[in-house]
Amino acid sequence: MDVKKLIDNDFRGVALAIKNDKIICEHQSGYADLPNKVSNTLDTKFASASAGKAFVAVGILQLIERKELNFSDTLGALFDIDLHNIDPDVTVEQLLTHTSGVPDYFDESIMEEYEELWEDFPNYKIRRNADLLPLFIDKDMMYPRGAKFQYNNTGYVLLALIIEKVTGIEFDKYLQTNVFDVCGMKSTGYYELDRLPAKCANNYIYCEDTDNYRTNIFSVDAKGTGAGGAYITATDIVNFWKGIISYQLLSKELTLKMLSKQSGDGQDSEEGYYGYGFWIIDNDEADDIAYFQGCDPGVSFISEYNPKSNLISVIVSNYGDDVWKEMGKIRKATS
């Protein structure tokens, strides 16, 4: 099978797969700017939704490795704010593994679309992690801390706030210096929707009533937070993986722990297990596949690393196209 021809012709976005440092699949299609017919390329900066949780997890683990933070540190000890009904004994590790039970400002088991959040609260107000506090601080715990795994966006907002508390700088500036710069991710960052730099793709939502597209500027946070929202390029994500697996970001011990099963019950073959910031797929003992992903209105992203085949793959769409189907084809063709 010709891996270079795997991606559907109607897929809009970028796909990049590298095996043993050789490009085996490269696909660029669709428009970054639809009205002006500006094409997507490998240099296009794409929104990546929840994929940014992986960056936050790395940042937290770096602080743990430097002994500036511990897995067992609690919200009550770290913050001097009124947590209301949030359990102050929730730990950093429980936040990392989605087992904290803290109230999720976007509970994906209840809400279908992220843009539902902004019906009563304007999205342009969300430019820092603390701006999300009103959306969850008065809610009750979802379940007792540590009781189970349930994907949780608030948990990673709190982790980003912990980075800011411990370091004294904004989380995205910390990540820029300690993650992006280290890996040579020159085009990755957290950008405000009304101040986007050059080469950023608009994200498009199809509207059946008009048989046309609108952008997602009223559907997502004005600037990314710990829950997600970083802009990336496919090449930068490859560099991120290279930084991880060469232990430039973390020690070998902590890297392997990050990319191994820490929570989840395994009932779903792909979303059954979670490490720290990464999903884990069973792929023979000691050869599990790690991936991270994101989905927002008009945004879809997935990237994975298969240690058995030494394959790094990235697929992103600014039209919300099915990146998971395309990734499945690459995974099958290269297994």
C-alpha atoms as a PDB file:
ATOM      1  CA  MET A   1       0.000   0.000   0.000  1.00  0.00           C
ATOM      2  CA  ASP A   2       1.268   3.478  -0.916  1.00  0.00           C
ATOM      3  CA  VAL A   3       1.137   5.352   2.390  1.00  0.00           C
ATOM      4  CA  LYS A   4       1.526   8.681   0.588  1.00  0.00           C
ATOM      5  CA  LYS A   5      -1.858   8.141  -1.079  1.00  0.00           C
ATOM      6  CA  LEU A   6      -3.766   7.052   2.035  1.00  0.00           C
ATOM      7  CA  ILE A   7      -5.429  10.356   2.905  1.00  0.00           C
ATOM      8  CA  ASP A   8      -8.869  10.946   1.371  1.00  0.00           C
ATOM      9  CA  ASN A   9      -8.936  13.482  -1.447  1.00  0.00           C
ATOM     10  CA  ASP A  10     -11.723  15.406   0.278  1.00  0.00           C
ATOM     11  CA  PHE A  11      -9.818  15.752   3.559  1.00  0.00           C
ATOM     12  CA  ARG A  12      -8.974  19.410   4.277  1.00  0.00           C
ATOM     13  CA  GLY A  13      -5.912  20.096   6.355  1.00  0.00           C
ATOM     14  CA  VAL A  14      -2.435  18.644   6.774  1.00  0.00           C
ATOM     15  CA  ALA A  15      -1.209  15.123   7.420  1.00  0.00           C
ATOM     16  CA  LEU A  16       2.411  14.214   8.084  1.00  0.00           C
ATOM     17  CA  ALA A  17       3.887  10.829   8.997  1.00  0.00           C
ATOM     18  CA  ILE A  18       7.573  10.212   9.637  1.00  0.00           C
ATOM     19  CA  LYS A  19       9.157   6.792  10.132  1.00  0.00           C
ATOM     20  CA  ASN A  20      12.808   6.525  11.114  1.00  0.00           C
ATOM     21  CA  ASP A  21      13.191  10.222  10.229  1.00  0.00           C
ATOM     22  CA  LYS A  22      11.882   9.674   6.678  1.00  0.00           C
ATOM     23  CA  ILE A  23       8.621  11.218   5.456  1.00  0.00           C
ATOM     24  CA  ILE A  24       6.300   8.399   4.395  1.00  0.00           C
ATOM     25  CA  CYS A  25       3.100  10.435   4.123  1.00  0.00           C
ATOM     26  CA  GLU A  26       2.562  14.117   3.429  1.00  0.00           C
ATOM     27  CA  HIS A  27      -0.777  15.680   2.562  1.00  0.00           C
ATOM     28  CA  GLN A  28      -1.723  19.363   2.256  1.00  0.00           C
ATOM     29  CA  SER A  29      -5.183  20.440   1.131  1.00  0.00           C
ATOM     30  CA  GLY A  30      -8.044  22.824   1.744  1.00  0.00           C
ATOM     31  CA  TYR A  31      -7.890  26.522   2.443  1.00  0.00           C
ATOM     32  CA  ALA A  32      -6.528  28.307   5.486  1.00  0.00           C
ATOM     33  CA  ASP A  33      -8.484  31.353   4.281  1.00  0.00           C
ATOM     34  CA  LEU A  34     -11.504  30.116   2.356  1.00  0.00           C
ATOM     35  CA  PRO A  35     -12.801  33.367   0.757  1.00  0.00           C
ATOM     36  CA  ASN A  36      -9.331  34.361  -0.399  1.00  0.00           C
ATOM     37  CA  LYS A  37      -8.363  30.833  -1.458  1.00  0.00           C
ATOM     38  CA  VAL A  38      -5.166  30.744   0.614  1.00  0.00           C
ATOM     39  CA  SER A  39      -4.080  27.111   0.745  1.00  0.00           C
ATOM     40  CA  ASN A  40      -3.126  25.078   3.813  1.00  0.00           C
ATOM     41  CA  THR A  41       0.569  24.118   3.855  1.00  0.00           C
ATOM     42  CA  LEU A  42       3.063  22.542   6.255  1.00  0.00           C
ATOM     43  CA  ASP A  43       3.798  26.106   7.436  1.00  0.00           C
ATOM     44  CA  THR A  44       0.163  26.815   8.323  1.00  0.00           C
ATOM     45  CA  LYS A  45      -0.508  27.329  12.017  1.00  0.00           C
ATOM     46  CA  PHE A  46      -3.582  25.317  13.040  1.00  0.00           C
ATOM     47  CA  ALA A  47      -5.681  25.482  16.184  1.00  0.00           C
ATOM     48  CA  SER A  48      -5.354  22.181  18.048  1.00  0.00           C
ATOM     49  CA  ALA A  49      -8.110  22.321  20.725  1.00  0.00           C
ATOM     50  CA  SER A  50      -7.475  19.923  23.646  1.00  0.00           C
ATOM     51  CA  ALA A  51      -4.116  18.780  22.268  1.00  0.00           C
ATOM     52  CA  GLY A  52      -2.524  21.475  24.449  1.00  0.00           C
ATOM     53  CA  LYS A  53      -3.157  19.326  27.523  1.00  0.00           C
ATOM     54  CA  ALA A  54      -0.053  17.375  26.512  1.00  0.00           C
ATOM     55  CA  PHE A  55       2.044  20.560  26.713  1.00  0.00           C
ATOM     56  CA  VAL A  56       0.627  21.379  30.151  1.00  0.00           C
ATOM     57  CA  ALA A  57       1.325  17.851  31.387  1.00  0.00           C
ATOM     58  CA  VAL A  58       4.959  18.131  30.292  1.00  0.00           C
ATOM     59  CA  GLY A  59       5.243  21.498  32.046  1.00  0.00           C
ATOM     60  CA  ILE A  60       3.852  20.089  35.302  1.00  0.00           C
ATOM     61  CA  LEU A  61       6.130  17.042  35.151  1.00  0.00           C
ATOM     62  CA  GLN A  62       9.144  19.303  34.628  1.00  0.00           C
ATOM     63  CA  LEU A  63       8.287  21.147  37.843  1.00  0.00           C
ATOM     64  CA  ILE A  64       7.922  17.816  39.634  1.00  0.00           C
ATOM     65  CA  GLU A  65      11.281  16.665  38.312  1.00  0.00           C
ATOM     66  CA  ARG A  66      12.866  19.900  39.553  1.00  0.00           C
ATOM     67  CA  LYS A  67      11.244  19.274  42.950  1.00  0.00           C
ATOM     68  CA  GLU A  68       9.310  22.538  42.746  1.00  0.00           C
ATOM     69  CA  LEU A  69       6.080  20.514  42.877  1.00  0.00           C
ATOM     70  CA  ASN A  70       4.940  17.035  43.941  1.00  0.00           C
ATOM     71  CA  PHE A  71       2.379  14.597  42.561  1.00  0.00           C
ATOM     72  CA  SER A  72       0.800  14.581  46.022  1.00  0.00           C
ATOM     73  CA  ASP A  73       0.469  18.372  46.384  1.00  0.00           C
ATOM     74  CA  THR A  74      -3.155  19.395  46.881  1.00  0.00           C
ATOM     75  CA  LEU A  75      -5.345  22.217  45.616  1.00  0.00           C
ATOM     76  CA  GLY A  76      -5.861  23.434  49.167  1.00  0.00           C
ATOM     77  CA  ALA A  77      -2.120  23.723  49.777  1.00  0.00           C
ATOM     78  CA  LEU A  78      -1.339  25.272  46.396  1.00  0.00           C
ATOM     79  CA  PHE A  79      -4.082  27.905  46.159  1.00  0.00           C
ATOM     80  CA  ASP A  80      -5.147  30.606  48.581  1.00  0.00           C
ATOM     81  CA  ILE A  81      -8.556  31.085  46.928  1.00  0.00           C
ATOM     82  CA  ASP A  82     -11.959  29.954  48.124  1.00  0.00           C
ATOM     83  CA  LEU A  83     -12.499  26.597  46.416  1.00  0.00           C
ATOM     84  CA  HIS A  84     -16.169  26.518  47.497  1.00  0.00           C
ATOM     85  CA  ASN A  85     -17.338  22.896  47.186  1.00  0.00           C
ATOM     86  CA  ILE A  86     -14.236  21.657  45.351  1.00  0.00           C
ATOM     87  CA  ASP A  87     -12.358  19.136  47.486  1.00  0.00           C
ATOM     88  CA  PRO A  88      -9.144  20.842  48.697  1.00  0.00           C
ATOM     89  CA  ASP A  89      -7.439  17.429  48.940  1.00  0.00           C
ATOM     90  CA  VAL A  90      -7.529  16.829  45.172  1.00  0.00           C
ATOM     91  CA  THR A  91      -3.936  16.138  44.136  1.00  0.00           C
ATOM     92  CA  VAL A  92      -1.820  17.201  41.173  1.00  0.00           C
ATOM     93  CA  GLU A  93      -1.658  13.581  40.014  1.00  0.00           C
ATOM     94  CA  GLN A  94      -5.445  13.256  40.078  1.00  0.00           C
ATOM     95  CA  LEU A  95      -5.721  16.357  37.906  1.00  0.00           C
ATOM     96  CA  LEU A  96      -3.176  14.908  35.463  1.00  0.00           C
ATOM     97  CA  THR A  97      -5.014  11.584  35.165  1.00  0.00           C
ATOM     98  CA  HIS A  98      -8.605  12.930  34.987  1.00  0.00           C
ATOM     99  CA  THR A  99      -9.521  11.229  38.251  1.00  0.00           C
ATOM    100  CA  SER A 100      -9.999  14.372  40.362  1.00  0.00           C
ATOM    101  CA  GLY A 101     -13.774  14.712  40.210  1.00  0.00           C
ATOM    102  CA  VAL A 102     -13.539  18.520  40.071  1.00  0.00           C
ATOM    103  CA  PRO A 103     -16.514  20.173  38.337  1.00  0.00           C
ATOM    104  CA  ASP A 104     -15.883  20.308  34.590  1.00  0.00           C
ATOM    105  CA  TYR A 105     -16.822  23.623  33.007  1.00  0.00           C
ATOM    106  CA  PHE A 106     -17.357  21.719  29.745  1.00  0.00           C
ATOM    107  CA  ASP A 107     -18.768  18.325  30.650  1.00  0.00           C
ATOM    108  CA  GLU A 108     -18.644  16.394  27.393  1.00  0.00           C
ATOM    109  CA  SER A 109     -21.052  13.785  28.764  1.00  0.00           C
ATOM    110  CA  ILE A 110     -23.748  16.490  28.974  1.00  0.00           C
ATOM    111  CA  MET A 111     -22.886  19.132  26.368  1.00  0.00           C
ATOM    112  CA  GLU A 112     -22.534  18.175  22.712  1.00  0.00           C
ATOM    113  CA  GLU A 113     -20.924  21.352  21.371  1.00  0.00           C
ATOM    114  CA  TYR A 114     -18.264  23.530  22.992  1.00  0.00           C
ATOM    115  CA  GLU A 115     -19.915  26.673  21.658  1.00  0.00           C
ATOM    116  CA  GLU A 116     -22.889  26.034  23.981  1.00  0.00           C
ATOM    117  CA  LEU A 117     -20.715  27.495  26.756  1.00  0.00           C
ATOM    118  CA  TRP A 118     -20.883  30.960  25.287  1.00  0.00           C
ATOM    119  CA  GLU A 119     -24.653  31.335  25.061  1.00  0.00           C
ATOM    120  CA  ASP A 120     -24.656  33.058  28.467  1.00  0.00           C
ATOM    121  CA  PHE A 121     -20.984  33.948  28.907  1.00  0.00           C
ATOM    122  CA  PRO A 122     -19.111  35.825  26.134  1.00  0.00           C
ATOM    123  CA  ASN A 123     -16.136  33.897  24.801  1.00  0.00           C
ATOM    124  CA  TYR A 124     -14.118  37.082  24.261  1.00  0.00           C
ATOM    125  CA  LYS A 125     -13.707  37.309  28.043  1.00  0.00           C
ATOM    126  CA  ILE A 126     -11.630  34.107  28.134  1.00  0.00           C
ATOM    127  CA  ARG A 127      -8.017  35.217  27.707  1.00  0.00           C
ATOM    128  CA  ARG A 128      -6.425  33.730  30.846  1.00  0.00           C
ATOM    129  CA  ASN A 129      -6.969  30.564  32.849  1.00  0.00           C
ATOM    130  CA  ALA A 130      -8.456  32.531  35.743  1.00  0.00           C
ATOM    131  CA  ASP A 131     -11.149  33.862  33.392  1.00  0.00           C
ATOM    132  CA  LEU A 132     -12.707  30.380  33.389  1.00  0.00           C
ATOM    133  CA  LEU A 133     -13.175  30.267  37.177  1.00  0.00           C
ATOM    134  CA  PRO A 134     -16.766  31.638  37.049  1.00  0.00           C
ATOM    135  CA  LEU A 135     -17.760  28.694  34.850  1.00  0.00           C
ATOM    136  CA  PHE A 136     -16.943  26.043  37.467  1.00  0.00           C
ATOM    137  CA  ILE A 137     -16.004  27.459  40.879  1.00  0.00           C
ATOM    138  CA  ASP A 138     -19.561  27.379  42.264  1.00  0.00           C
ATOM    139  CA  LYS A 139     -20.343  23.846  41.074  1.00  0.00           C
ATOM    140  CA  ASP A 140     -20.232  20.662  43.150  1.00  0.00           C
ATOM    141  CA  MET A 141     -17.697  17.877  42.730  1.00  0.00           C
ATOM    142  CA  MET A 142     -18.689  15.429  39.991  1.00  0.00           C
ATOM    143  CA  TYR A 143     -17.638  12.417  42.083  1.00  0.00           C
ATOM    144  CA  PRO A 144     -15.288  11.774  45.028  1.00  0.00           C
ATOM    145  CA  ARG A 145     -11.648  12.431  44.156  1.00  0.00           C
ATOM    146  CA  GLY A 146      -9.857   9.352  42.889  1.00  0.00           C
ATOM    147  CA  ALA A 147     -13.065   7.367  42.433  1.00  0.00           C
ATOM    148  CA  LYS A 148     -12.862   6.932  38.665  1.00  0.00           C
ATOM    149  CA  PHE A 149     -11.544   8.233  35.354  1.00  0.00           C
ATOM    150  CA  GLN A 150     -13.601  10.899  33.569  1.00  0.00           C
ATOM    151  CA  TYR A 151     -12.084  13.272  31.039  1.00  0.00           C
ATOM    152  CA  ASN A 152     -12.042  16.726  32.587  1.00  0.00           C
ATOM    153  CA  ASN A 153     -11.177  20.115  31.068  1.00  0.00           C
ATOM    154  CA  THR A 154     -11.221  22.006  34.364  1.00  0.00           C
ATOM    155  CA  GLY A 155      -8.470  19.756  35.702  1.00  0.00           C
ATOM    156  CA  TYR A 156      -6.019  21.059  33.122  1.00  0.00           C
ATOM    157  CA  VAL A 157      -7.079  24.665  33.650  1.00  0.00           C
ATOM    158  CA  LEU A 158      -6.181  24.125  37.309  1.00  0.00           C
ATOM    159  CA  LEU A 159      -2.851  22.568  36.295  1.00  0.00           C
ATOM    160  CA  ALA A 160      -2.051  25.630  34.181  1.00  0.00           C
ATOM    161  CA  LEU A 161      -2.927  27.825  37.156  1.00  0.00           C
ATOM    162  CA  ILE A 162      -0.553  25.700  39.245  1.00  0.00           C
ATOM    163  CA  ILE A 163       2.244  26.337  36.723  1.00  0.00           C
ATOM    164  CA  GLU A 164       1.540  30.062  37.066  1.00  0.00           C
ATOM    165  CA  LYS A 165       1.439  29.838  40.869  1.00  0.00           C
ATOM    166  CA  VAL A 166       4.712  27.906  41.168  1.00  0.00           C
ATOM    167  CA  THR A 167       6.702  29.795  38.509  1.00  0.00           C
ATOM    168  CA  GLY A 168       5.218  33.261  38.853  1.00  0.00           C
ATOM    169  CA  ILE A 169       4.772  33.592  35.080  1.00  0.00           C
ATOM    170  CA  GLU A 170       1.903  32.966  32.681  1.00  0.00           C
ATOM    171  CA  PHE A 171       1.633  29.312  31.718  1.00  0.00           C
ATOM    172  CA  ASP A 172       2.028  29.921  27.974  1.00  0.00           C
ATOM    173  CA  LYS A 173       5.229  31.891  28.533  1.00  0.00           C
ATOM    174  CA  TYR A 174       6.530  29.057  30.701  1.00  0.00           C
ATOM    175  CA  LEU A 175       5.694  26.524  27.986  1.00  0.00           C
ATOM    176  CA  GLN A 176       7.281  28.717  25.321  1.00  0.00           C
ATOM    177  CA  THR A 177      10.626  28.739  27.131  1.00  0.00           C
ATOM    178  CA  ASN A 178      10.635  25.253  28.629  1.00  0.00           C
ATOM    179  CA  VAL A 179       8.877  23.205  25.941  1.00  0.00           C
ATOM    180  CA  PHE A 180       8.453  24.928  22.582  1.00  0.00           C
ATOM    181  CA  ASP A 181      11.876  26.597  22.412  1.00  0.00           C
ATOM    182  CA  VAL A 182      13.617  23.443  23.648  1.00  0.00           C
ATOM    183  CA  CYS A 183      12.039  21.384  20.861  1.00  0.00           C
ATOM    184  CA  GLY A 184      12.464  23.962  18.100  1.00  0.00           C
ATOM    185  CA  MET A 185       8.692  24.482  17.823  1.00  0.00           C
ATOM    186  CA  LYS A 186       9.097  27.908  16.241  1.00  0.00           C
ATOM    187  CA  SER A 187       5.480  28.368  15.137  1.00  0.00           C
ATOM    188  CA  THR A 188       3.648  27.031  18.194  1.00  0.00           C
ATOM    189  CA  GLY A 189       1.973  29.353  20.679  1.00  0.00           C
ATOM    190  CA  TYR A 190      -1.189  30.541  22.362  1.00  0.00           C
ATOM    191  CA  TYR A 191      -2.598  33.342  20.230  1.00  0.00           C
ATOM    192  CA  GLU A 192      -5.616  35.569  20.735  1.00  0.00           C
ATOM    193  CA  LEU A 193      -8.268  35.214  18.043  1.00  0.00           C
ATOM    194  CA  ASP A 194      -8.344  38.956  17.476  1.00  0.00           C
ATOM    195  CA  ARG A 195      -4.519  39.176  17.309  1.00  0.00           C
ATOM    196  CA  LEU A 196      -3.544  36.152  15.228  1.00  0.00           C
ATOM    197  CA  PRO A 197      -0.067  36.250  13.689  1.00  0.00           C
ATOM    198  CA  ALA A 198       0.684  35.441  10.057  1.00  0.00           C
ATOM    199  CA  LYS A 199      -0.052  32.028   8.552  1.00  0.00           C
ATOM    200  CA  CYS A 200      -2.792  31.059  11.009  1.00  0.00           C
ATOM    201  CA  ALA A 201      -5.657  29.080   9.525  1.00  0.00           C
ATOM    202  CA  ASN A 202      -9.219  30.185  10.074  1.00  0.00           C
ATOM    203  CA  ASN A 203     -11.439  27.401  11.376  1.00  0.00           C
ATOM    204  CA  TYR A 204     -14.652  26.753   9.479  1.00  0.00           C
ATOM    205  CA  ILE A 205     -18.030  25.379  10.538  1.00  0.00           C
ATOM    206  CA  TYR A 206     -20.458  24.222   7.875  1.00  0.00           C
ATOM    207  CA  CYS A 207     -23.974  25.697   8.160  1.00  0.00           C
ATOM    208  CA  GLU A 208     -26.706  23.602   6.571  1.00  0.00           C
ATOM    209  CA  ASP A 209     -29.256  26.434   6.542  1.00  0.00           C
ATOM    210  CA  THR A 210     -27.062  28.581   4.258  1.00  0.00           C
ATOM    211  CA  ASP A 211     -25.058  25.772   2.622  1.00  0.00           C
ATOM    212  CA  ASN A 212     -21.979  27.808   3.477  1.00  0.00           C
ATOM    213  CA  TYR A 213     -19.265  28.176   6.096  1.00  0.00           C
ATOM    214  CA  ARG A 214     -18.730  30.456   9.079  1.00  0.00           C
ATOM    215  CA  THR A 215     -15.614  30.783  11.207  1.00  0.00           C
ATOM    216  CA  ASN A 216     -15.507  29.627  14.819  1.00  0.00           C
ATOM    217  CA  ILE A 217     -14.536  33.006  16.328  1.00  0.00           C
ATOM    218  CA  PHE A 218     -17.670  33.011  18.505  1.00  0.00           C
ATOM    219  CA  SER A 219     -17.390  29.320  19.368  1.00  0.00           C
ATOM    220  CA  VAL A 220     -14.110  29.001  21.300  1.00  0.00           C
ATOM    221  CA  ASP A 221     -12.081  30.864  23.922  1.00  0.00           C
ATOM    222  CA  ALA A 222     -10.528  34.108  22.682  1.00  0.00           C
ATOM    223  CA  LYS A 223      -7.171  32.681  23.790  1.00  0.00           C
ATOM    224  CA  GLY A 224      -6.158  29.147  24.707  1.00  0.00           C
ATOM    225  CA  THR A 225      -5.892  27.965  28.297  1.00  0.00           C
ATOM    226  CA  GLY A 226      -4.630  24.888  30.081  1.00  0.00           C
ATOM    227  CA  ALA A 227      -7.562  22.970  28.632  1.00  0.00           C
ATOM    228  CA  GLY A 228      -6.297  23.608  25.088  1.00  0.00           C
ATOM    229  CA  GLY A 229      -6.219  26.144  22.305  1.00  0.00           C
ATOM    230  CA  ALA A 230      -2.588  26.235  21.198  1.00  0.00           C
ATOM    231  CA  TYR A 231      -1.781  26.913  17.553  1.00  0.00           C
ATOM    232  CA  ILE A 232       0.683  24.431  16.047  1.00  0.00           C
ATOM    233  CA  THR A 233       2.210  23.291  12.785  1.00  0.00           C
ATOM    234  CA  ALA A 234       2.510  19.636  11.848  1.00  0.00           C
ATOM    235  CA  THR A 235       6.291  19.987  11.721  1.00  0.00           C
ATOM    236  CA  ASP A 236       6.349  21.482  15.220  1.00  0.00           C
ATOM    237  CA  ILE A 237       4.407  18.509  16.564  1.00  0.00           C
ATOM    238  CA  VAL A 238       6.941  16.127  15.026  1.00  0.00           C
ATOM    239  CA  ASN A 239       9.642  18.133  16.798  1.00  0.00           C
ATOM    240  CA  PHE A 240       7.660  17.901  20.037  1.00  0.00           C
ATOM    241  CA  TRP A 241       7.630  14.094  19.817  1.00  0.00           C
ATOM    242  CA  LYS A 242      11.335  14.063  19.029  1.00  0.00           C
ATOM    243  CA  GLY A 243      11.965  16.174  22.118  1.00  0.00           C
ATOM    244  CA  ILE A 244       9.939  13.744  24.207  1.00  0.00           C
ATOM    245  CA  ILE A 245      11.479  10.489  22.976  1.00  0.00           C
ATOM    246  CA  SER A 246      15.044  11.858  23.103  1.00  0.00           C
ATOM    247  CA  TYR A 247      14.434  12.922  26.733  1.00  0.00           C
ATOM    248  CA  GLN A 248      15.148  16.596  26.097  1.00  0.00           C
ATOM    249  CA  LEU A 249      12.058  17.610  28.063  1.00  0.00           C
ATOM    250  CA  LEU A 250      11.977  15.047  30.860  1.00  0.00           C
ATOM    251  CA  SER A 251      14.101  12.226  32.224  1.00  0.00           C
ATOM    252  CA  LYS A 252      13.653   8.769  30.707  1.00  0.00           C
ATOM    253  CA  GLU A 253      11.938   7.540  33.869  1.00  0.00           C
ATOM    254  CA  LEU A 254       9.354  10.300  33.945  1.00  0.00           C
ATOM    255  CA  THR A 255       8.859  10.229  30.162  1.00  0.00           C
ATOM    256  CA  LEU A 256       8.027   6.518  30.245  1.00  0.00           C
ATOM    257  CA  LYS A 257       5.662   7.123  33.138  1.00  0.00           C
ATOM    258  CA  MET A 258       3.934   9.925  31.212  1.00  0.00           C
ATOM    259  CA  LEU A 259       3.423   7.655  28.198  1.00  0.00           C
ATOM    260  CA  SER A 260       2.184   4.629  30.161  1.00  0.00           C
ATOM    261  CA  LYS A 261      -1.205   3.695  31.599  1.00  0.00           C
ATOM    262  CA  GLN A 262      -2.056   5.699  34.709  1.00  0.00           C
ATOM    263  CA  SER A 263      -5.866   5.691  34.621  1.00  0.00           C
ATOM    264  CA  GLY A 264      -8.833   4.393  32.655  1.00  0.00           C
ATOM    265  CA  ASP A 265     -10.415   0.958  32.500  1.00  0.00           C
ATOM    266  CA  GLY A 266      -9.473  -0.194  29.006  1.00  0.00           C
ATOM    267  CA  GLN A 267     -13.062  -0.820  27.907  1.00  0.00           C
ATOM    268  CA  ASP A 268     -12.622   1.402  24.850  1.00  0.00           C
ATOM    269  CA  SER A 269      -9.809   0.121  22.637  1.00  0.00           C
ATOM    270  CA  GLU A 270      -8.491   3.631  21.933  1.00  0.00           C
ATOM    271  CA  GLU A 271      -9.714   5.872  24.767  1.00  0.00           C
ATOM    272  CA  GLY A 272      -9.522   3.189  27.409  1.00  0.00           C
ATOM    273  CA  TYR A 273      -6.316   4.315  29.058  1.00  0.00           C
ATOM    274  CA  TYR A 274      -4.693   7.626  29.929  1.00  0.00           C
ATOM    275  CA  GLY A 275      -1.146   8.502  30.946  1.00  0.00           C
ATOM    276  CA  TYR A 276      -0.258  12.078  31.881  1.00  0.00           C
ATOM    277  CA  GLY A 277      -1.657  14.326  29.124  1.00  0.00           C
ATOM    278  CA  PHE A 278      -1.646  11.472  26.585  1.00  0.00           C
ATOM    279  CA  TRP A 279      -4.061   8.693  25.610  1.00  0.00           C
ATOM    280  CA  ILE A 280      -2.628   5.168  25.520  1.00  0.00           C
ATOM    281  CA  ILE A 281      -3.501   2.329  23.124  1.00  0.00           C
ATOM    282  CA  ASP A 282      -2.507  -1.267  23.898  1.00  0.00           C
ATOM    283  CA  ASN A 283       0.077  -2.373  21.333  1.00  0.00           C
ATOM    284  CA  ASP A 284       1.902  -5.339  22.868  1.00  0.00           C
ATOM    285  CA  GLU A 285       3.707  -5.146  26.161  1.00  0.00           C
ATOM    286  CA  ALA A 286       6.127  -2.189  26.441  1.00  0.00           C
ATOM    287  CA  ASP A 287       5.161  -0.959  22.972  1.00  0.00           C
ATOM    288  CA  ASP A 288       1.955   0.937  23.691  1.00  0.00           C
ATOM    289  CA  ILE A 289       0.993   3.702  21.267  1.00  0.00           C
ATOM    290  CA  ALA A 290       0.679   7.158  22.830  1.00  0.00           C
ATOM    291  CA  TYR A 291      -1.359   9.918  21.248  1.00  0.00           C
ATOM    292  CA  PHE A 292      -2.966  13.257  22.002  1.00  0.00           C
ATOM    293  CA  GLN A 293      -5.940  14.815  20.324  1.00  0.00           C
ATOM    294  CA  GLY A 294      -8.284  17.775  20.174  1.00  0.00           C
ATOM    295  CA  CYS A 295     -11.708  18.669  18.864  1.00  0.00           C
ATOM    296  CA  ASP A 296     -13.511  22.016  18.832  1.00  0.00           C
ATOM    297  CA  PRO A 297     -16.055  23.506  16.428  1.00  0.00           C
ATOM    298  CA  GLY A 298     -14.138  23.648  13.139  1.00  0.00           C
ATOM    299  CA  VAL A 299     -11.050  22.017  14.690  1.00  0.00           C
ATOM    300  CA  SER A 300      -9.833  18.421  14.715  1.00  0.00           C
ATOM    301  CA  PHE A 301      -6.354  17.177  15.600  1.00  0.00           C
ATOM    302  CA  ILE A 302      -4.588  13.932  16.436  1.00  0.00           C
ATOM    303  CA  SER A 303      -0.936  12.983  16.719  1.00  0.00           C
ATOM    304  CA  GLU A 304       0.611   9.725  17.856  1.00  0.00           C
ATOM    305  CA  TYR A 305       3.880   7.930  18.418  1.00  0.00           C
ATOM    306  CA  ASN A 306       4.284   4.203  17.843  1.00  0.00           C
ATOM    307  CA  PRO A 307       7.546   3.050  19.460  1.00  0.00           C
ATOM    308  CA  LYS A 308       7.353  -0.369  17.808  1.00  0.00           C
ATOM    309  CA  SER A 309       7.535   1.079  14.294  1.00  0.00           C
ATOM    310  CA  ASN A 310       9.247   4.363  15.284  1.00  0.00           C
ATOM    311  CA  LEU A 311       6.406   6.235  13.597  1.00  0.00           C
ATOM    312  CA  ILE A 312       5.349   9.803  14.374  1.00  0.00           C
ATOM    313  CA  SER A 313       2.151  10.961  12.700  1.00  0.00           C
ATOM    314  CA  VAL A 314       0.176  14.211  12.799  1.00  0.00           C
ATOM    315  CA  ILE A 315      -3.194  15.005  11.232  1.00  0.00           C
ATOM    316  CA  VAL A 316      -5.029  18.313  11.656  1.00  0.00           C
ATOM    317  CA  SER A 317      -8.021  19.927   9.965  1.00  0.00           C
ATOM    318  CA  ASN A 318      -9.405  23.450  10.163  1.00  0.00           C
ATOM    319  CA  TYR A 319     -12.796  22.181   8.975  1.00  0.00           C
ATOM    320  CA  GLY A 320     -13.287  19.582  11.702  1.00  0.00           C
ATOM    321  CA  ASP A 321     -12.744  16.728   9.222  1.00  0.00           C
ATOM    322  CA  ASP A 322     -12.391  13.165  10.519  1.00  0.00           C
ATOM    323  CA  VAL A 323      -8.736  13.006  11.512  1.00  0.00           C
ATOM    324  CA  TRP A 324      -9.352   9.809  13.494  1.00  0.00           C
ATOM    325  CA  LYS A 325     -10.389   7.869  10.392  1.00  0.00           C
ATOM    326  CA  GLU A 326      -7.295   9.066   8.533  1.00  0.00           C
ATOM    327  CA  MET A 327      -5.034   8.197  11.456  1.00  0.00           C
ATOM    328  CA  GLY A 328      -6.536   4.718  11.578  1.00  0.00           C
ATOM    329  CA  LYS A 329      -5.547   4.172   7.953  1.00  0.00           C
ATOM    330  CA  ILE A 330      -1.957   5.266   8.584  1.00  0.00           C
ATOM    331  CA  ARG A 331      -1.760   3.084  11.681  1.00  0.00           C
ATOM    332  CA  LYS A 332      -3.056   0.036   9.788  1.00  0.00           C
ATOM    333  CA  ALA A 333      -0.784   0.579   6.793  1.00  0.00           C
ATOM    334  CA  THR A 334       2.356   0.907   8.906  1.00  0.00           C
ATOM    335  CA  SER A 335       1.749  -1.740  11.565  1.00  0.00           C
END
